[in-house]
Amino acid sequence: MEYLCDTCILIDYLRGKQEAYNRLSADRSKGLGMSSVTLMELMVGALNKREVSVIKKAFSDFEIVDISRPISIKARLLIEKYAKSHGLLIPDALIAATALELGVPLCTANVGDFRFIPDIALV
């Protein structure tokens, strides 16, 4: 996997934002992934079942990474350390922990949500 995608990048892609579309289109052949949390966020944001189908089809070639015990532990530690000082939210902690556990960069447009986390590589 080249990198893990944050929810905001995938939303931008679905909305046809050129920068996100170009990046993901160029890197897809290298293998891209998303946390199962990201997929759930996309599905919750869908307006109807048709949009859920569009989301599933658009990202059918992505590796979906489920929350494992090590990811959960990393996320819990991130919440303990950064929830109060930096406003880290549970979904972002799980997504960041997934990237850290896999040792891959996180592709995000919301760099401010993650830049305070040591050792996380952001694209």
PDB file of N, CA and C in Angstrom:
ATOM      1  N   MET A   1       0.838  -1.180   0.000  1.00  0.00           N
ATOM      2  CA  MET A   1       0.000   0.000   0.000  1.00  0.00           C
ATOM      3  C   MET A   1       0.887   1.248   0.000  1.00  0.00           C
ATOM      4  N   GLU A   2       0.624   2.128  -0.942  1.00  0.00           N
ATOM      5  CA  GLU A   2       1.391   3.372  -1.074  1.00  0.00           C
ATOM      6  C   GLU A   2       1.110   4.325   0.093  1.00  0.00           C
ATOM      7  N   TYR A   3      -0.155   4.518   0.402  1.00  0.00           N
ATOM      8  CA  TYR A   3      -0.554   5.323   1.557  1.00  0.00           C
ATOM      9  C   TYR A   3      -2.004   5.056   1.909  1.00  0.00           C
ATOM     10  N   LEU A   4      -2.356   5.491   3.118  1.00  0.00           N
ATOM     11  CA  LEU A   4      -3.716   5.392   3.627  1.00  0.00           C
ATOM     12  C   LEU A   4      -4.403   6.724   3.356  1.00  0.00           C
ATOM     13  N   CYS A   5      -5.647   6.684   2.914  1.00  0.00           N
ATOM     14  CA  CYS A   5      -6.383   7.913   2.597  1.00  0.00           C
ATOM     15  C   CYS A   5      -7.307   8.306   3.740  1.00  0.00           C
ATOM     16  N   ASP A   6      -7.277   9.568   4.085  1.00  0.00           N
ATOM     17  CA  ASP A   6      -8.198  10.128   5.066  1.00  0.00           C
ATOM     18  C   ASP A   6      -9.535  10.399   4.377  1.00  0.00           C
ATOM     19  N   THR A   7     -10.570  10.490   5.151  1.00  0.00           N
ATOM     20  CA  THR A   7     -11.927  10.679   4.633  1.00  0.00           C
ATOM     21  C   THR A   7     -12.048  11.912   3.745  1.00  0.00           C
ATOM     22  N   CYS A   8     -11.440  13.011   4.150  1.00  0.00           N
ATOM     23  CA  CYS A   8     -11.590  14.273   3.410  1.00  0.00           C
ATOM     24  C   CYS A   8     -11.079  14.160   1.976  1.00  0.00           C
ATOM     25  N   ILE A   9     -10.002  13.424   1.764  1.00  0.00           N
ATOM     26  CA  ILE A   9      -9.442  13.250   0.418  1.00  0.00           C
ATOM     27  C   ILE A   9     -10.414  12.462  -0.463  1.00  0.00           C
ATOM     28  N   LEU A  10     -11.039  11.452   0.117  1.00  0.00           N
ATOM     29  CA  LEU A  10     -11.967  10.629  -0.650  1.00  0.00           C
ATOM     30  C   LEU A  10     -13.258  11.386  -0.967  1.00  0.00           C
ATOM     31  N   ILE A  11     -13.677  12.231  -0.046  1.00  0.00           N
ATOM     32  CA  ILE A  11     -14.841  13.091  -0.310  1.00  0.00           C
ATOM     33  C   ILE A  11     -14.513  14.063  -1.440  1.00  0.00           C
ATOM     34  N   ASP A  12     -13.331  14.665  -1.375  1.00  0.00           N
ATOM     35  CA  ASP A  12     -12.916  15.580  -2.451  1.00  0.00           C
ATOM     36  C   ASP A  12     -12.879  14.858  -3.792  1.00  0.00           C
ATOM     37  N   TYR A  13     -12.397  13.635  -3.798  1.00  0.00           N
ATOM     38  CA  TYR A  13     -12.353  12.829  -5.021  1.00  0.00           C
ATOM     39  C   TYR A  13     -13.767  12.614  -5.570  1.00  0.00           C
ATOM     40  N   LEU A  14     -14.677  12.216  -4.692  1.00  0.00           N
ATOM     41  CA  LEU A  14     -16.062  11.969  -5.113  1.00  0.00           C
ATOM     42  C   LEU A  14     -16.734  13.235  -5.633  1.00  0.00           C
ATOM     43  N   ARG A  15     -16.337  14.374  -5.087  1.00  0.00           N
ATOM     44  CA  ARG A  15     -16.906  15.654  -5.523  1.00  0.00           C
ATOM     45  C   ARG A  15     -16.227  16.191  -6.775  1.00  0.00           C
ATOM     46  N   GLY A  16     -15.233  15.471  -7.264  1.00  0.00           N
ATOM     47  CA  GLY A  16     -14.558  15.862  -8.498  1.00  0.00           C
ATOM     48  C   GLY A  16     -13.538  16.974  -8.336  1.00  0.00           C
ATOM     49  N   LYS A  17     -13.059  17.193  -7.114  1.00  0.00           N
ATOM     50  CA  LYS A  17     -12.028  18.220  -6.911  1.00  0.00           C
ATOM     51  C   LYS A  17     -10.748  17.763  -7.597  1.00  0.00           C
ATOM     52  N   GLN A  18     -10.244  18.611  -8.462  1.00  0.00           N
ATOM     53  CA  GLN A  18      -9.174  18.242  -9.379  1.00  0.00           C
ATOM     54  C   GLN A  18      -7.925  17.716  -8.692  1.00  0.00           C
ATOM     55  N   GLU A  19      -7.458  18.379  -7.640  1.00  0.00           N
ATOM     56  CA  GLU A  19      -6.219  17.970  -6.982  1.00  0.00           C
ATOM     57  C   GLU A  19      -6.343  16.556  -6.396  1.00  0.00           C
ATOM     58  N   ALA A  20      -7.451  16.291  -5.715  1.00  0.00           N
ATOM     59  CA  ALA A  20      -7.669  14.957  -5.139  1.00  0.00           C
ATOM     60  C   ALA A  20      -7.831  13.916  -6.237  1.00  0.00           C
ATOM     61  N   TYR A  21      -8.590  14.253  -7.259  1.00  0.00           N
ATOM     62  CA  TYR A  21      -8.807  13.328  -8.368  1.00  0.00           C
ATOM     63  C   TYR A  21      -7.484  12.970  -9.045  1.00  0.00           C
ATOM     64  N   ASN A  22      -6.658  13.992  -9.316  1.00  0.00           N
ATOM     65  CA  ASN A  22      -5.371  13.757  -9.977  1.00  0.00           C
ATOM     66  C   ASN A  22      -4.454  12.885  -9.129  1.00  0.00           C
ATOM     67  N   ARG A  23      -4.359  13.193  -7.830  1.00  0.00           N
ATOM     68  CA  ARG A  23      -3.465  12.437  -6.950  1.00  0.00           C
ATOM     69  C   ARG A  23      -3.892  10.985  -6.864  1.00  0.00           C
ATOM     70  N   LEU A  24      -5.157  10.740  -6.571  1.00  0.00           N
ATOM     71  CA  LEU A  24      -5.616   9.358  -6.409  1.00  0.00           C
ATOM     72  C   LEU A  24      -5.559   8.590  -7.723  1.00  0.00           C
ATOM     73  N   SER A  25      -5.899   9.240  -8.801  1.00  0.00           N
ATOM     74  CA  SER A  25      -5.840   8.571 -10.108  1.00  0.00           C
ATOM     75  C   SER A  25      -4.409   8.169 -10.450  1.00  0.00           C
ATOM     76  N   ALA A  26      -3.457   9.042 -10.155  1.00  0.00           N
ATOM     77  CA  ALA A  26      -2.052   8.760 -10.458  1.00  0.00           C
ATOM     78  C   ALA A  26      -1.480   7.650  -9.582  1.00  0.00           C
ATOM     79  N   ASP A  27      -1.961   7.562  -8.330  1.00  0.00           N
ATOM     80  CA  ASP A  27      -1.368   6.633  -7.369  1.00  0.00           C
ATOM     81  C   ASP A  27      -2.129   5.313  -7.209  1.00  0.00           C
ATOM     82  N   ARG A  28      -3.282   5.196  -7.817  1.00  0.00           N
ATOM     83  CA  ARG A  28      -4.119   3.998  -7.633  1.00  0.00           C
ATOM     84  C   ARG A  28      -3.401   2.709  -8.002  1.00  0.00           C
ATOM     85  N   SER A  29      -2.619   2.737  -9.056  1.00  0.00           N
ATOM     86  CA  SER A  29      -1.950   1.515  -9.504  1.00  0.00           C
ATOM     87  C   SER A  29      -0.909   1.031  -8.485  1.00  0.00           C
ATOM     88  N   LYS A  30      -0.472   1.908  -7.591  1.00  0.00           N
ATOM     89  CA  LYS A  30       0.509   1.542  -6.562  1.00  0.00           C
ATOM     90  C   LYS A  30      -0.161   0.864  -5.370  1.00  0.00           C
ATOM     91  N   GLY A  31      -1.486   0.971  -5.294  1.00  0.00           N
ATOM     92  CA  GLY A  31      -2.226   0.394  -4.174  1.00  0.00           C
ATOM     93  C   GLY A  31      -2.493   1.419  -3.101  1.00  0.00           C
ATOM     94  N   LEU A  32      -3.762   1.701  -2.870  1.00  0.00           N
ATOM     95  CA  LEU A  32      -4.162   2.670  -1.853  1.00  0.00           C
ATOM     96  C   LEU A  32      -5.064   1.982  -0.845  1.00  0.00           C
ATOM     97  N   GLY A  33      -5.143   2.560   0.328  1.00  0.00           N
ATOM     98  CA  GLY A  33      -5.973   1.968   1.366  1.00  0.00           C
ATOM     99  C   GLY A  33      -6.745   3.005   2.144  1.00  0.00           C
ATOM    100  N   MET A  34      -7.695   2.491   2.929  1.00  0.00           N
ATOM    101  CA  MET A  34      -8.434   3.332   3.856  1.00  0.00           C
ATOM    102  C   MET A  34      -8.788   2.493   5.073  1.00  0.00           C
ATOM    103  N   SER A  35      -8.923   3.168   6.185  1.00  0.00           N
ATOM    104  CA  SER A  35      -9.378   2.519   7.404  1.00  0.00           C
ATOM    105  C   SER A  35     -10.848   2.153   7.240  1.00  0.00           C
ATOM    106  N   SER A  36     -11.287   1.114   7.924  1.00  0.00           N
ATOM    107  CA  SER A  36     -12.715   0.796   7.930  1.00  0.00           C
ATOM    108  C   SER A  36     -13.504   1.953   8.531  1.00  0.00           C
ATOM    109  N   VAL A  37     -12.878   2.741   9.390  1.00  0.00           N
ATOM    110  CA  VAL A  37     -13.517   3.936   9.960  1.00  0.00           C
ATOM    111  C   VAL A  37     -13.824   4.933   8.845  1.00  0.00           C
ATOM    112  N   THR A  38     -12.890   5.110   7.941  1.00  0.00           N
ATOM    113  CA  THR A  38     -13.088   6.014   6.805  1.00  0.00           C
ATOM    114  C   THR A  38     -14.255   5.547   5.941  1.00  0.00           C
ATOM    115  N   LEU A  39     -14.295   4.262   5.645  1.00  0.00           N
ATOM    116  CA  LEU A  39     -15.396   3.730   4.842  1.00  0.00           C
ATOM    117  C   LEU A  39     -16.731   3.958   5.549  1.00  0.00           C
ATOM    118  N   MET A  40     -16.765   3.742   6.856  1.00  0.00           N
ATOM    119  CA  MET A  40     -18.002   3.977   7.609  1.00  0.00           C
ATOM    120  C   MET A  40     -18.392   5.453   7.590  1.00  0.00           C
ATOM    121  N   GLU A  41     -17.405   6.349   7.707  1.00  0.00           N
ATOM    122  CA  GLU A  41     -17.705   7.786   7.639  1.00  0.00           C
ATOM    123  C   GLU A  41     -18.303   8.145   6.277  1.00  0.00           C
ATOM    124  N   LEU A  42     -17.757   7.591   5.221  1.00  0.00           N
ATOM    125  CA  LEU A  42     -18.289   7.855   3.877  1.00  0.00           C
ATOM    126  C   LEU A  42     -19.722   7.352   3.748  1.00  0.00           C
ATOM    127  N   MET A  43     -19.972   6.168   4.257  1.00  0.00           N
ATOM    128  CA  MET A  43     -21.314   5.591   4.148  1.00  0.00           C
ATOM    129  C   MET A  43     -22.339   6.365   4.984  1.00  0.00           C
ATOM    130  N   VAL A  44     -21.944   6.805   6.168  1.00  0.00           N
ATOM    131  CA  VAL A  44     -22.844   7.598   7.009  1.00  0.00           C
ATOM    132  C   VAL A  44     -23.175   8.919   6.313  1.00  0.00           C
ATOM    133  N   GLY A  45     -22.210   9.475   5.592  1.00  0.00           N
ATOM    134  CA  GLY A  45     -22.422  10.738   4.891  1.00  0.00           C
ATOM    135  C   GLY A  45     -23.235  10.613   3.610  1.00  0.00           C
ATOM    136  N   ALA A  46     -23.409   9.395   3.130  1.00  0.00           N
ATOM    137  CA  ALA A  46     -24.194   9.187   1.906  1.00  0.00           C
ATOM    138  C   ALA A  46     -25.656   9.539   2.175  1.00  0.00           C
ATOM    139  N   LEU A  47     -26.296  10.115   1.168  1.00  0.00           N
ATOM    140  CA  LEU A  47     -27.688  10.537   1.322  1.00  0.00           C
ATOM    141  C   LEU A  47     -28.685   9.400   1.145  1.00  0.00           C
ATOM    142  N   ASN A  48     -28.278   8.340   0.412  1.00  0.00           N
ATOM    143  CA  ASN A  48     -29.199   7.244   0.144  1.00  0.00           C
ATOM    144  C   ASN A  48     -28.394   6.007  -0.278  1.00  0.00           C
ATOM    145  N   LYS A  49     -29.094   4.903  -0.550  1.00  0.00           N
ATOM    146  CA  LYS A  49     -28.433   3.657  -0.920  1.00  0.00           C
ATOM    147  C   LYS A  49     -27.706   3.765  -2.252  1.00  0.00           C
ATOM    148  N   ARG A  50     -28.210   4.598  -3.158  1.00  0.00           N
ATOM    149  CA  ARG A  50     -27.542   4.787  -4.435  1.00  0.00           C
ATOM    150  C   ARG A  50     -26.153   5.382  -4.215  1.00  0.00           C
ATOM    151  N   GLU A  51     -26.065   6.370  -3.323  1.00  0.00           N
ATOM    152  CA  GLU A  51     -24.762   6.972  -3.030  1.00  0.00           C
ATOM    153  C   GLU A  51     -23.829   5.979  -2.344  1.00  0.00           C
ATOM    154  N   VAL A  52     -24.364   5.118  -1.508  1.00  0.00           N
ATOM    155  CA  VAL A  52     -23.542   4.069  -0.889  1.00  0.00           C
ATOM    156  C   VAL A  52     -22.961   3.177  -1.982  1.00  0.00           C
ATOM    157  N   SER A  53     -23.767   2.838  -2.974  1.00  0.00           N
ATOM    158  CA  SER A  53     -23.288   2.018  -4.097  1.00  0.00           C
ATOM    159  C   SER A  53     -22.196   2.731  -4.881  1.00  0.00           C
ATOM    160  N   VAL A  54     -22.349   4.031  -5.090  1.00  0.00           N
ATOM    161  CA  VAL A  54     -21.335   4.824  -5.793  1.00  0.00           C
ATOM    162  C   VAL A  54     -20.025   4.793  -5.015  1.00  0.00           C
ATOM    163  N   ILE A  55     -20.106   4.957  -3.697  1.00  0.00           N
ATOM    164  CA  ILE A  55     -18.911   4.940  -2.842  1.00  0.00           C
ATOM    165  C   ILE A  55     -18.228   3.578  -2.927  1.00  0.00           C
ATOM    166  N   LYS A  56     -18.983   2.515  -2.784  1.00  0.00           N
ATOM    167  CA  LYS A  56     -18.400   1.165  -2.826  1.00  0.00           C
ATOM    168  C   LYS A  56     -17.732   0.896  -4.164  1.00  0.00           C
ATOM    169  N   LYS A  57     -18.365   1.320  -5.244  1.00  0.00           N
ATOM    170  CA  LYS A  57     -17.792   1.105  -6.576  1.00  0.00           C
ATOM    171  C   LYS A  57     -16.550   1.967  -6.796  1.00  0.00           C
ATOM    172  N   ALA A  58     -16.615   3.229  -6.379  1.00  0.00           N
ATOM    173  CA  ALA A  58     -15.489   4.160  -6.591  1.00  0.00           C
ATOM    174  C   ALA A  58     -14.208   3.685  -5.910  1.00  0.00           C
ATOM    175  N   PHE A  59     -14.352   3.000  -4.780  1.00  0.00           N
ATOM    176  CA  PHE A  59     -13.177   2.603  -4.009  1.00  0.00           C
ATOM    177  C   PHE A  59     -13.050   1.083  -3.861  1.00  0.00           C
ATOM    178  N   SER A  60     -13.609   0.353  -4.809  1.00  0.00           N
ATOM    179  CA  SER A  60     -13.592  -1.109  -4.727  1.00  0.00           C
ATOM    180  C   SER A  60     -12.184  -1.699  -4.802  1.00  0.00           C
ATOM    181  N   ASP A  61     -11.255  -0.954  -5.359  1.00  0.00           N
ATOM    182  CA  ASP A  61      -9.877  -1.449  -5.469  1.00  0.00           C
ATOM    183  C   ASP A  61      -9.007  -1.040  -4.286  1.00  0.00           C
ATOM    184  N   PHE A  62      -9.548  -0.319  -3.318  1.00  0.00           N
ATOM    185  CA  PHE A  62      -8.796   0.097  -2.135  1.00  0.00           C
ATOM    186  C   PHE A  62      -8.732  -1.050  -1.131  1.00  0.00           C
ATOM    187  N   GLU A  63      -7.622  -1.132  -0.426  1.00  0.00           N
ATOM    188  CA  GLU A  63      -7.523  -2.078   0.677  1.00  0.00           C
ATOM    189  C   GLU A  63      -8.215  -1.453   1.891  1.00  0.00           C
ATOM    190  N   ILE A  64      -9.166  -2.155   2.462  1.00  0.00           N
ATOM    191  CA  ILE A  64      -9.865  -1.680   3.650  1.00  0.00           C
ATOM    192  C   ILE A  64      -9.195  -2.335   4.855  1.00  0.00           C
ATOM    193  N   VAL A  65      -8.704  -1.495   5.773  1.00  0.00           N
ATOM    194  CA  VAL A  65      -7.981  -1.995   6.936  1.00  0.00           C
ATOM    195  C   VAL A  65      -8.890  -1.924   8.153  1.00  0.00           C
ATOM    196  N   ASP A  66      -9.214  -3.089   8.691  1.00  0.00           N
ATOM    197  CA  ASP A  66     -10.067  -3.147   9.874  1.00  0.00           C
ATOM    198  C   ASP A  66      -9.284  -2.771  11.133  1.00  0.00           C
ATOM    199  N   ILE A  67     -10.035  -2.424  12.153  1.00  0.00           N
ATOM    200  CA  ILE A  67      -9.427  -2.032  13.427  1.00  0.00           C
ATOM    201  C   ILE A  67      -8.980  -3.300  14.154  1.00  0.00           C
ATOM    202  N   SER A  68      -7.688  -3.384  14.363  1.00  0.00           N
ATOM    203  CA  SER A  68      -7.115  -4.524  15.084  1.00  0.00           C
ATOM    204  C   SER A  68      -6.835  -4.094  16.527  1.00  0.00           C
ATOM    205  N   ARG A  69      -6.455  -5.043  17.340  1.00  0.00           N
ATOM    206  CA  ARG A  69      -6.110  -4.720  18.729  1.00  0.00           C
ATOM    207  C   ARG A  69      -4.950  -3.712  18.789  1.00  0.00           C
ATOM    208  N   PRO A  70      -3.858  -3.913  18.022  1.00  0.00           N
ATOM    209  CA  PRO A  70      -2.770  -2.923  18.072  1.00  0.00           C
ATOM    210  C   PRO A  70      -3.212  -1.520  17.616  1.00  0.00           C
ATOM    211  N   ILE A  71      -4.080  -1.455  16.600  1.00  0.00           N
ATOM    212  CA  ILE A  71      -4.581  -0.152  16.148  1.00  0.00           C
ATOM    213  C   ILE A  71      -5.415   0.483  17.248  1.00  0.00           C
ATOM    214  N   SER A  72      -6.252  -0.297  17.898  1.00  0.00           N
ATOM    215  CA  SER A  72      -7.089   0.210  18.985  1.00  0.00           C
ATOM    216  C   SER A  72      -6.241   0.741  20.145  1.00  0.00           C
ATOM    217  N   ILE A  73      -5.208   0.012  20.488  1.00  0.00           N
ATOM    218  CA  ILE A  73      -4.318   0.445  21.581  1.00  0.00           C
ATOM    219  C   ILE A  73      -3.614   1.741  21.206  1.00  0.00           C
ATOM    220  N   LYS A  74      -3.084   1.823  19.980  1.00  0.00           N
ATOM    221  CA  LYS A  74      -2.425   3.058  19.528  1.00  0.00           C
ATOM    222  C   LYS A  74      -3.398   4.232  19.549  1.00  0.00           C
ATOM    223  N   ALA A  75      -4.610   4.006  19.082  1.00  0.00           N
ATOM    224  CA  ALA A  75      -5.621   5.072  19.063  1.00  0.00           C
ATOM    225  C   ALA A  75      -5.950   5.526  20.472  1.00  0.00           C
ATOM    226  N   ARG A  76      -6.104   4.592  21.376  1.00  0.00           N
ATOM    227  CA  ARG A  76      -6.394   4.944  22.777  1.00  0.00           C
ATOM    228  C   ARG A  76      -5.287   5.799  23.369  1.00  0.00           C
ATOM    229  N   LEU A  77      -4.046   5.456  23.092  1.00  0.00           N
ATOM    230  CA  LEU A  77      -2.915   6.242  23.592  1.00  0.00           C
ATOM    231  C   LEU A  77      -2.897   7.638  22.965  1.00  0.00           C
ATOM    232  N   LEU A  78      -3.232   7.724  21.664  1.00  0.00           N
ATOM    233  CA  LEU A  78      -3.298   9.033  21.003  1.00  0.00           C
ATOM    234  C   LEU A  78      -4.406   9.899  21.620  1.00  0.00           C
ATOM    235  N   ILE A  79      -5.555   9.299  21.907  1.00  0.00           N
ATOM    236  CA  ILE A  79      -6.657  10.034  22.541  1.00  0.00           C
ATOM    237  C   ILE A  79      -6.238  10.529  23.921  1.00  0.00           C
ATOM    238  N   GLU A  80      -5.611   9.665  24.679  1.00  0.00           N
ATOM    239  CA  GLU A  80      -5.162  10.040  26.025  1.00  0.00           C
ATOM    240  C   GLU A  80      -4.205  11.227  25.974  1.00  0.00           C
ATOM    241  N   LYS A  81      -3.331  11.221  24.990  1.00  0.00           N
ATOM    242  CA  LYS A  81      -2.305  12.264  24.905  1.00  0.00           C
ATOM    243  C   LYS A  81      -2.791  13.544  24.218  1.00  0.00           C
ATOM    244  N   TYR A  82      -3.688  13.437  23.205  1.00  0.00           N
ATOM    245  CA  TYR A  82      -3.981  14.605  22.365  1.00  0.00           C
ATOM    246  C   TYR A  82      -5.444  15.057  22.309  1.00  0.00           C
ATOM    247  N   ALA A  83      -6.353  14.332  22.941  1.00  0.00           N
ATOM    248  CA  ALA A  83      -7.764  14.742  22.864  1.00  0.00           C
ATOM    249  C   ALA A  83      -7.985  16.105  23.513  1.00  0.00           C
ATOM    250  N   LYS A  84      -7.420  16.307  24.663  1.00  0.00           N
ATOM    251  CA  LYS A  84      -7.638  17.573  25.380  1.00  0.00           C
ATOM    252  C   LYS A  84      -6.710  18.684  24.902  1.00  0.00           C
ATOM    253  N   SER A  85      -5.487  18.340  24.578  1.00  0.00           N
ATOM    254  CA  SER A  85      -4.532  19.381  24.176  1.00  0.00           C
ATOM    255  C   SER A  85      -4.701  19.829  22.732  1.00  0.00           C
ATOM    256  N   HIS A  86      -5.132  18.926  21.855  1.00  0.00           N
ATOM    257  CA  HIS A  86      -5.210  19.240  20.428  1.00  0.00           C
ATOM    258  C   HIS A  86      -6.580  18.961  19.803  1.00  0.00           C
ATOM    259  N   GLY A  87      -7.521  18.508  20.598  1.00  0.00           N
ATOM    260  CA  GLY A  87      -8.859  18.243  20.077  1.00  0.00           C
ATOM    261  C   GLY A  87      -8.964  17.017  19.185  1.00  0.00           C
ATOM    262  N   LEU A  88      -8.071  16.057  19.368  1.00  0.00           N
ATOM    263  CA  LEU A  88      -8.096  14.841  18.556  1.00  0.00           C
ATOM    264  C   LEU A  88      -9.394  14.083  18.809  1.00  0.00           C
ATOM    265  N   LEU A  89     -10.078  13.736  17.742  1.00  0.00           N
ATOM    266  CA  LEU A  89     -11.343  13.009  17.821  1.00  0.00           C
ATOM    267  C   LEU A  89     -11.122  11.514  17.605  1.00  0.00           C
ATOM    268  N   ILE A  90     -12.060  10.705  18.066  1.00  0.00           N
ATOM    269  CA  ILE A  90     -11.922   9.249  17.982  1.00  0.00           C
ATOM    270  C   ILE A  90     -11.701   8.757  16.547  1.00  0.00           C
ATOM    271  N   PRO A  91     -12.507   9.186  15.565  1.00  0.00           N
ATOM    272  CA  PRO A  91     -12.250   8.678  14.201  1.00  0.00           C
ATOM    273  C   PRO A  91     -10.849   9.038  13.692  1.00  0.00           C
ATOM    274  N   ASP A  92     -10.403  10.268  13.958  1.00  0.00           N
ATOM    275  CA  ASP A  92      -9.063  10.673  13.504  1.00  0.00           C
ATOM    276  C   ASP A  92      -7.973   9.894  14.232  1.00  0.00           C
ATOM    277  N   ALA A  93      -8.185   9.593  15.505  1.00  0.00           N
ATOM    278  CA  ALA A  93      -7.208   8.798  16.253  1.00  0.00           C
ATOM    279  C   ALA A  93      -7.107   7.391  15.667  1.00  0.00           C
ATOM    280  N   LEU A  94      -8.240   6.805  15.318  1.00  0.00           N
ATOM    281  CA  LEU A  94      -8.232   5.460  14.725  1.00  0.00           C
ATOM    282  C   LEU A  94      -7.579   5.458  13.345  1.00  0.00           C
ATOM    283  N   ILE A  95      -7.847   6.481  12.561  1.00  0.00           N
ATOM    284  CA  ILE A  95      -7.247   6.577  11.223  1.00  0.00           C
ATOM    285  C   ILE A  95      -5.738   6.786  11.344  1.00  0.00           C
ATOM    286  N   ALA A  96      -5.319   7.685  12.229  1.00  0.00           N
ATOM    287  CA  ALA A  96      -3.883   7.923  12.440  1.00  0.00           C
ATOM    288  C   ALA A  96      -3.198   6.665  12.961  1.00  0.00           C
ATOM    289  N   ALA A  97      -3.825   5.989  13.904  1.00  0.00           N
ATOM    290  CA  ALA A  97      -3.251   4.768  14.469  1.00  0.00           C
ATOM    291  C   ALA A  97      -3.103   3.689  13.398  1.00  0.00           C
ATOM    292  N   THR A  98      -4.035   3.651  12.470  1.00  0.00           N
ATOM    293  CA  THR A  98      -3.951   2.675  11.376  1.00  0.00           C
ATOM    294  C   THR A  98      -2.730   2.952  10.507  1.00  0.00           C
ATOM    295  N   ALA A  99      -2.532   4.220  10.138  1.00  0.00           N
ATOM    296  CA  ALA A  99      -1.357   4.589   9.333  1.00  0.00           C
ATOM    297  C   ALA A  99      -0.062   4.268  10.084  1.00  0.00           C
ATOM    298  N   LEU A 100      -0.040   4.588  11.370  1.00  0.00           N
ATOM    299  CA  LEU A 100       1.161   4.317  12.166  1.00  0.00           C
ATOM    300  C   LEU A 100       1.429   2.821  12.268  1.00  0.00           C
ATOM    301  N   GLU A 101       0.388   2.041  12.503  1.00  0.00           N
ATOM    302  CA  GLU A 101       0.545   0.594  12.641  1.00  0.00           C
ATOM    303  C   GLU A 101       1.042  -0.033  11.336  1.00  0.00           C
ATOM    304  N   LEU A 102       0.533   0.461  10.211  1.00  0.00           N
ATOM    305  CA  LEU A 102       0.952  -0.072   8.910  1.00  0.00           C
ATOM    306  C   LEU A 102       2.299   0.475   8.450  1.00  0.00           C
ATOM    307  N   GLY A 103       2.718   1.585   9.046  1.00  0.00           N
ATOM    308  CA  GLY A 103       3.972   2.220   8.638  1.00  0.00           C
ATOM    309  C   GLY A 103       3.880   2.878   7.280  1.00  0.00           C
ATOM    310  N   VAL A 104       2.692   3.428   6.965  1.00  0.00           N
ATOM    311  CA  VAL A 104       2.487   4.109   5.691  1.00  0.00           C
ATOM    312  C   VAL A 104       2.069   5.558   5.948  1.00  0.00           C
ATOM    313  N   PRO A 105       2.318   6.436   4.979  1.00  0.00           N
ATOM    314  CA  PRO A 105       1.861   7.818   5.123  1.00  0.00           C
ATOM    315  C   PRO A 105       0.339   7.906   5.095  1.00  0.00           C
ATOM    316  N   LEU A 106      -0.170   9.004   5.652  1.00  0.00           N
ATOM    317  CA  LEU A 106      -1.593   9.306   5.619  1.00  0.00           C
ATOM    318  C   LEU A 106      -1.803  10.463   4.658  1.00  0.00           C
ATOM    319  N   CYS A 107      -2.624  10.258   3.655  1.00  0.00           N
ATOM    320  CA  CYS A 107      -2.940  11.303   2.680  1.00  0.00           C
ATOM    321  C   CYS A 107      -4.169  12.051   3.180  1.00  0.00           C
ATOM    322  N   THR A 108      -4.004  13.336   3.484  1.00  0.00           N
ATOM    323  CA  THR A 108      -5.089  14.128   4.044  1.00  0.00           C
ATOM    324  C   THR A 108      -5.006  15.571   3.584  1.00  0.00           C
ATOM    325  N   ALA A 109      -6.162  16.212   3.506  1.00  0.00           N
ATOM    326  CA  ALA A 109      -6.204  17.657   3.263  1.00  0.00           C
ATOM    327  C   ALA A 109      -6.287  18.394   4.590  1.00  0.00           C
ATOM    328  N   ASN A 110      -6.558  17.657   5.651  1.00  0.00           N
ATOM    329  CA  ASN A 110      -6.676  18.246   6.987  1.00  0.00           C
ATOM    330  C   ASN A 110      -5.417  17.979   7.806  1.00  0.00           C
ATOM    331  N   VAL A 111      -4.318  18.515   7.356  1.00  0.00           N
ATOM    332  CA  VAL A 111      -3.021  18.289   8.004  1.00  0.00           C
ATOM    333  C   VAL A 111      -3.061  18.703   9.477  1.00  0.00           C
ATOM    334  N   GLY A 112      -3.782  19.761   9.783  1.00  0.00           N
ATOM    335  CA  GLY A 112      -3.863  20.243  11.157  1.00  0.00           C
ATOM    336  C   GLY A 112      -4.459  19.242  12.129  1.00  0.00           C
ATOM    337  N   ASP A 113      -5.240  18.304  11.613  1.00  0.00           N
ATOM    338  CA  ASP A 113      -5.837  17.287  12.478  1.00  0.00           C
ATOM    339  C   ASP A 113      -4.830  16.240  12.938  1.00  0.00           C
ATOM    340  N   PHE A 114      -3.653  16.214  12.296  1.00  0.00           N
ATOM    341  CA  PHE A 114      -2.699  15.126  12.552  1.00  0.00           C
ATOM    342  C   PHE A 114      -1.257  15.579  12.782  1.00  0.00           C
ATOM    343  N   ARG A 115      -0.891  16.799  12.411  1.00  0.00           N
ATOM    344  CA  ARG A 115       0.537  17.186  12.388  1.00  0.00           C
ATOM    345  C   ARG A 115       1.234  17.121  13.743  1.00  0.00           C
ATOM    346  N   PHE A 116       0.503  17.135  14.826  1.00  0.00           N
ATOM    347  CA  PHE A 116       1.081  17.095  16.168  1.00  0.00           C
ATOM    348  C   PHE A 116       1.429  15.674  16.610  1.00  0.00           C
ATOM    349  N   ILE A 117       1.059  14.682  15.808  1.00  0.00           N
ATOM    350  CA  ILE A 117       1.308  13.282  16.173  1.00  0.00           C
ATOM    351  C   ILE A 117       2.720  12.897  15.726  1.00  0.00           C
ATOM    352  N   PRO A 118       3.584  12.555  16.682  1.00  0.00           N
ATOM    353  CA  PRO A 118       4.952  12.178  16.309  1.00  0.00           C
ATOM    354  C   PRO A 118       4.957  10.942  15.409  1.00  0.00           C
ATOM    355  N   ASP A 119       5.896  10.917  14.522  1.00  0.00           N
ATOM    356  CA  ASP A 119       6.150   9.771  13.651  1.00  0.00           C
ATOM    357  C   ASP A 119       5.113   9.542  12.558  1.00  0.00           C
ATOM    358  N   ILE A 120       4.068  10.369  12.462  1.00  0.00           N
ATOM    359  CA  ILE A 120       3.111  10.161  11.379  1.00  0.00           C
ATOM    360  C   ILE A 120       3.600  10.917  10.154  1.00  0.00           C
ATOM    361  N   ALA A 121       3.631  10.236   9.038  1.00  0.00           N
ATOM    362  CA  ALA A 121       4.030  10.852   7.771  1.00  0.00           C
ATOM    363  C   ALA A 121       2.744  11.307   7.064  1.00  0.00           C
ATOM    364  N   LEU A 122       2.692  12.560   6.671  1.00  0.00           N
ATOM    365  CA  LEU A 122       1.518  13.107   6.020  1.00  0.00           C
ATOM    366  C   LEU A 122       1.807  13.465   4.565  1.00  0.00           C
ATOM    367  N   VAL A 123       0.873  13.122   3.698  1.00  0.00           N
ATOM    368  CA  VAL A 123       0.988  13.433   2.272  1.00  0.00           C
ATOM    369  C   VAL A 123      -0.074  14.471   1.979  1.00  0.00           C
TER     370      VAL A 123
END
